[in-house]
Amino acid sequence: MIMPAKELLKIGELAQMFQVLPSTINFYTREGLLKAADFSQGGYRLYDAKSAGALFKKIKFWQTTKRLTLSEIKKALNK
């Protein structure tokens, strides 16, 4: 069975898909919360849409429901 390829998106595409600012994606990347899955031929970071979406949902839940700080979220993700 052939597995479908991951849907890799540039920062702007990912931001639009999940209704966040591109600066949010850059910030999460700098902070080590989100990692680029690959790079385009032009050197653009490419992100896996499925894993990034799951991460955004977790962060939003932890921030709004659990009232965790970004530092606490980083610790929770690294467990």
N, C-alpha and C. Protein backbone atom coordinates (compact mmCIF):
# COMPACT_ATOMS: atom_id res chain seq x y z
N MET A 1 0.85 -1.18 0.00
CA MET A 1 0.00 0.00 0.00
C MET A 1 0.89 1.25 0.00
N ILE A 2 0.59 2.16 -0.87
CA ILE A 2 1.37 3.39 -0.96
C ILE A 2 0.78 4.42 0.01
N MET A 3 1.64 4.94 0.88
CA MET A 3 1.22 5.94 1.85
C MET A 3 1.20 7.31 1.16
N PRO A 4 0.19 8.14 1.45
CA PRO A 4 0.17 9.47 0.86
C PRO A 4 1.31 10.32 1.41
N ALA A 5 1.83 11.18 0.56
CA ALA A 5 2.90 12.08 0.99
C ALA A 5 2.36 13.08 2.01
N LYS A 6 3.22 13.51 2.89
CA LYS A 6 2.83 14.53 3.86
C LYS A 6 2.51 15.81 3.11
N GLU A 7 1.54 16.54 3.64
CA GLU A 7 1.23 17.83 3.05
C GLU A 7 2.15 18.86 3.69
N LEU A 8 3.14 19.31 2.91
CA LEU A 8 4.11 20.28 3.41
C LEU A 8 3.73 21.66 2.91
N LEU A 9 3.73 22.62 3.82
CA LEU A 9 3.31 23.97 3.52
C LEU A 9 4.36 24.98 3.94
N LYS A 10 4.43 26.08 3.19
CA LYS A 10 5.27 27.20 3.59
C LYS A 10 4.59 27.92 4.75
N ILE A 11 5.32 28.79 5.40
CA ILE A 11 4.82 29.50 6.57
C ILE A 11 3.51 30.23 6.28
N GLY A 12 3.45 30.97 5.21
CA GLY A 12 2.23 31.73 4.88
C GLY A 12 1.03 30.84 4.65
N GLU A 13 1.24 29.73 3.96
CA GLU A 13 0.16 28.78 3.70
C GLU A 13 -0.34 28.15 4.99
N LEU A 14 0.60 27.78 5.85
CA LEU A 14 0.25 27.18 7.13
C LEU A 14 -0.50 28.18 8.01
N ALA A 15 -0.02 29.41 8.02
CA ALA A 15 -0.67 30.45 8.81
C ALA A 15 -2.10 30.67 8.35
N GLN A 16 -2.30 30.71 7.06
CA GLN A 16 -3.64 30.92 6.52
C GLN A 16 -4.54 29.73 6.84
N MET A 17 -4.02 28.53 6.72
CA MET A 17 -4.81 27.33 6.98
C MET A 17 -5.32 27.27 8.42
N PHE A 18 -4.47 27.68 9.37
CA PHE A 18 -4.82 27.56 10.78
C PHE A 18 -5.15 28.90 11.43
N GLN A 19 -5.29 29.93 10.61
CA GLN A 19 -5.71 31.25 11.07
C GLN A 19 -4.84 31.79 12.21
N VAL A 20 -3.53 31.71 11.99
CA VAL A 20 -2.56 32.33 12.89
C VAL A 20 -1.67 33.24 12.06
N LEU A 21 -0.96 34.10 12.71
CA LEU A 21 -0.05 34.99 11.99
C LEU A 21 1.23 34.24 11.63
N PRO A 22 1.85 34.57 10.49
CA PRO A 22 3.14 33.96 10.17
C PRO A 22 4.17 34.19 11.27
N SER A 23 4.09 35.32 11.94
CA SER A 23 5.03 35.60 13.04
C SER A 23 4.86 34.62 14.19
N THR A 24 3.64 34.11 14.37
CA THR A 24 3.40 33.09 15.40
C THR A 24 4.15 31.82 15.06
N ILE A 25 4.11 31.43 13.80
CA ILE A 25 4.82 30.23 13.35
C ILE A 25 6.32 30.43 13.50
N ASN A 26 6.81 31.59 13.12
CA ASN A 26 8.24 31.88 13.29
C ASN A 26 8.63 31.84 14.76
N PHE A 27 7.79 32.40 15.63
CA PHE A 27 8.06 32.40 17.06
C PHE A 27 8.10 30.97 17.60
N TYR A 28 7.09 30.16 17.27
CA TYR A 28 7.06 28.77 17.73
C TYR A 28 8.28 28.00 17.23
N THR A 29 8.73 28.31 16.03
CA THR A 29 9.91 27.64 15.48
C THR A 29 11.15 28.06 16.26
N ARG A 30 11.31 29.35 16.50
CA ARG A 30 12.47 29.85 17.26
C ARG A 30 12.49 29.27 18.67
N GLU A 31 11.31 29.12 19.27
CA GLU A 31 11.22 28.62 20.64
C GLU A 31 11.36 27.10 20.73
N GLY A 32 11.41 26.43 19.58
CA GLY A 32 11.59 24.99 19.57
C GLY A 32 10.31 24.19 19.72
N LEU A 33 9.16 24.86 19.64
CA LEU A 33 7.88 24.16 19.74
C LEU A 33 7.50 23.49 18.43
N LEU A 34 7.86 24.11 17.33
CA LEU A 34 7.50 23.64 16.00
C LEU A 34 8.76 23.48 15.18
N LYS A 35 8.87 22.37 14.51
CA LYS A 35 10.06 22.11 13.69
C LYS A 35 9.68 21.98 12.23
N ALA A 36 10.52 22.53 11.37
CA ALA A 36 10.31 22.39 9.93
C ALA A 36 10.50 20.93 9.54
N ALA A 37 9.62 20.43 8.71
CA ALA A 37 9.71 19.04 8.25
C ALA A 37 10.73 18.90 7.13
N ASP A 38 10.92 19.98 6.39
CA ASP A 38 11.82 19.93 5.23
C ASP A 38 12.07 21.36 4.78
N PHE A 39 12.85 21.50 3.73
CA PHE A 39 13.11 22.81 3.13
C PHE A 39 12.86 22.72 1.63
N SER A 40 12.34 23.80 1.06
CA SER A 40 12.11 23.83 -0.38
C SER A 40 13.44 24.03 -1.09
N GLN A 41 13.42 23.91 -2.40
CA GLN A 41 14.64 24.14 -3.17
C GLN A 41 15.15 25.56 -2.99
N GLY A 42 14.23 26.50 -2.73
CA GLY A 42 14.60 27.89 -2.51
C GLY A 42 15.02 28.19 -1.08
N GLY A 43 15.00 27.17 -0.21
CA GLY A 43 15.44 27.36 1.16
C GLY A 43 14.33 27.72 2.14
N TYR A 44 13.08 27.72 1.67
CA TYR A 44 11.96 28.02 2.56
C TYR A 44 11.70 26.83 3.48
N ARG A 45 11.38 27.13 4.73
CA ARG A 45 10.99 26.06 5.65
C ARG A 45 9.63 25.53 5.24
N LEU A 46 9.48 24.23 5.29
CA LEU A 46 8.22 23.57 4.99
C LEU A 46 7.76 22.82 6.23
N TYR A 47 6.48 22.95 6.53
CA TYR A 47 5.93 22.35 7.74
C TYR A 47 4.87 21.32 7.37
N ASP A 48 4.82 20.24 8.15
CA ASP A 48 3.81 19.21 7.98
C ASP A 48 2.49 19.76 8.54
N ALA A 49 1.49 19.87 7.70
CA ALA A 49 0.21 20.49 8.09
C ALA A 49 -0.46 19.72 9.23
N LYS A 50 -0.43 18.41 9.17
CA LYS A 50 -1.13 17.60 10.19
C LYS A 50 -0.49 17.77 11.57
N SER A 51 0.82 17.65 11.66
CA SER A 51 1.47 17.76 12.96
C SER A 51 1.43 19.20 13.48
N ALA A 52 1.54 20.18 12.59
CA ALA A 52 1.46 21.58 13.02
C ALA A 52 0.07 21.89 13.55
N GLY A 53 -0.96 21.38 12.88
CA GLY A 53 -2.33 21.61 13.34
C GLY A 53 -2.57 21.01 14.71
N ALA A 54 -2.05 19.82 14.93
CA ALA A 54 -2.19 19.18 16.25
C ALA A 54 -1.48 20.00 17.32
N LEU A 55 -0.31 20.53 16.98
CA LEU A 55 0.43 21.36 17.93
C LEU A 55 -0.33 22.64 18.26
N PHE A 56 -0.88 23.30 17.24
CA PHE A 56 -1.63 24.54 17.47
C PHE A 56 -2.83 24.28 18.38
N LYS A 57 -3.51 23.15 18.19
CA LYS A 57 -4.66 22.81 19.03
C LYS A 57 -4.23 22.60 20.48
N LYS A 58 -3.12 21.89 20.67
CA LYS A 58 -2.62 21.66 22.03
C LYS A 58 -2.25 22.97 22.70
N ILE A 59 -1.51 23.82 22.00
CA ILE A 59 -1.08 25.09 22.58
C ILE A 59 -2.28 25.95 22.95
N LYS A 60 -3.25 26.04 22.04
CA LYS A 60 -4.43 26.85 22.31
C LYS A 60 -5.19 26.31 23.52
N PHE A 61 -5.34 24.99 23.60
CA PHE A 61 -6.03 24.37 24.73
C PHE A 61 -5.30 24.69 26.03
N TRP A 62 -4.00 24.48 26.04
CA TRP A 62 -3.23 24.71 27.26
C TRP A 62 -3.23 26.18 27.67
N GLN A 63 -3.21 27.08 26.68
CA GLN A 63 -3.21 28.50 27.01
C GLN A 63 -4.58 28.96 27.52
N THR A 64 -5.64 28.51 26.88
CA THR A 64 -6.97 29.03 27.23
C THR A 64 -7.63 28.27 28.36
N THR A 65 -7.53 26.96 28.35
CA THR A 65 -8.22 26.15 29.36
C THR A 65 -7.38 25.95 30.61
N LYS A 66 -6.12 25.62 30.42
CA LYS A 66 -5.24 25.33 31.56
C LYS A 66 -4.48 26.56 32.05
N ARG A 67 -4.50 27.64 31.25
CA ARG A 67 -3.81 28.88 31.60
C ARG A 67 -2.32 28.69 31.80
N LEU A 68 -1.71 27.84 30.98
CA LEU A 68 -0.27 27.61 31.08
C LEU A 68 0.49 28.70 30.32
N THR A 69 1.67 29.01 30.81
CA THR A 69 2.55 29.94 30.11
C THR A 69 3.25 29.18 28.99
N LEU A 70 3.87 29.90 28.09
CA LEU A 70 4.59 29.26 26.99
C LEU A 70 5.73 28.40 27.53
N SER A 71 6.37 28.85 28.59
CA SER A 71 7.44 28.07 29.21
C SER A 71 6.91 26.74 29.74
N GLU A 72 5.74 26.78 30.37
CA GLU A 72 5.13 25.55 30.89
C GLU A 72 4.70 24.62 29.75
N ILE A 73 4.22 25.21 28.67
CA ILE A 73 3.82 24.43 27.50
C ILE A 73 5.02 23.74 26.89
N LYS A 74 6.15 24.44 26.81
CA LYS A 74 7.38 23.84 26.28
C LYS A 74 7.78 22.65 27.11
N LYS A 75 7.70 22.77 28.42
CA LYS A 75 8.04 21.65 29.31
C LYS A 75 7.09 20.48 29.09
N ALA A 76 5.81 20.76 28.95
CA ALA A 76 4.80 19.71 28.74
C ALA A 76 5.03 18.99 27.41
N LEU A 77 5.41 19.72 26.39
CA LEU A 77 5.64 19.11 25.07
C LEU A 77 6.91 18.27 25.05
N ASN A 78 7.86 18.60 25.89
CA ASN A 78 9.14 17.89 25.89
C ASN A 78 9.15 16.67 26.81
N LYS A 79 8.03 16.37 27.43
CA LYS A 79 7.95 15.20 28.32
C LYS A 79 7.87 13.93 27.51
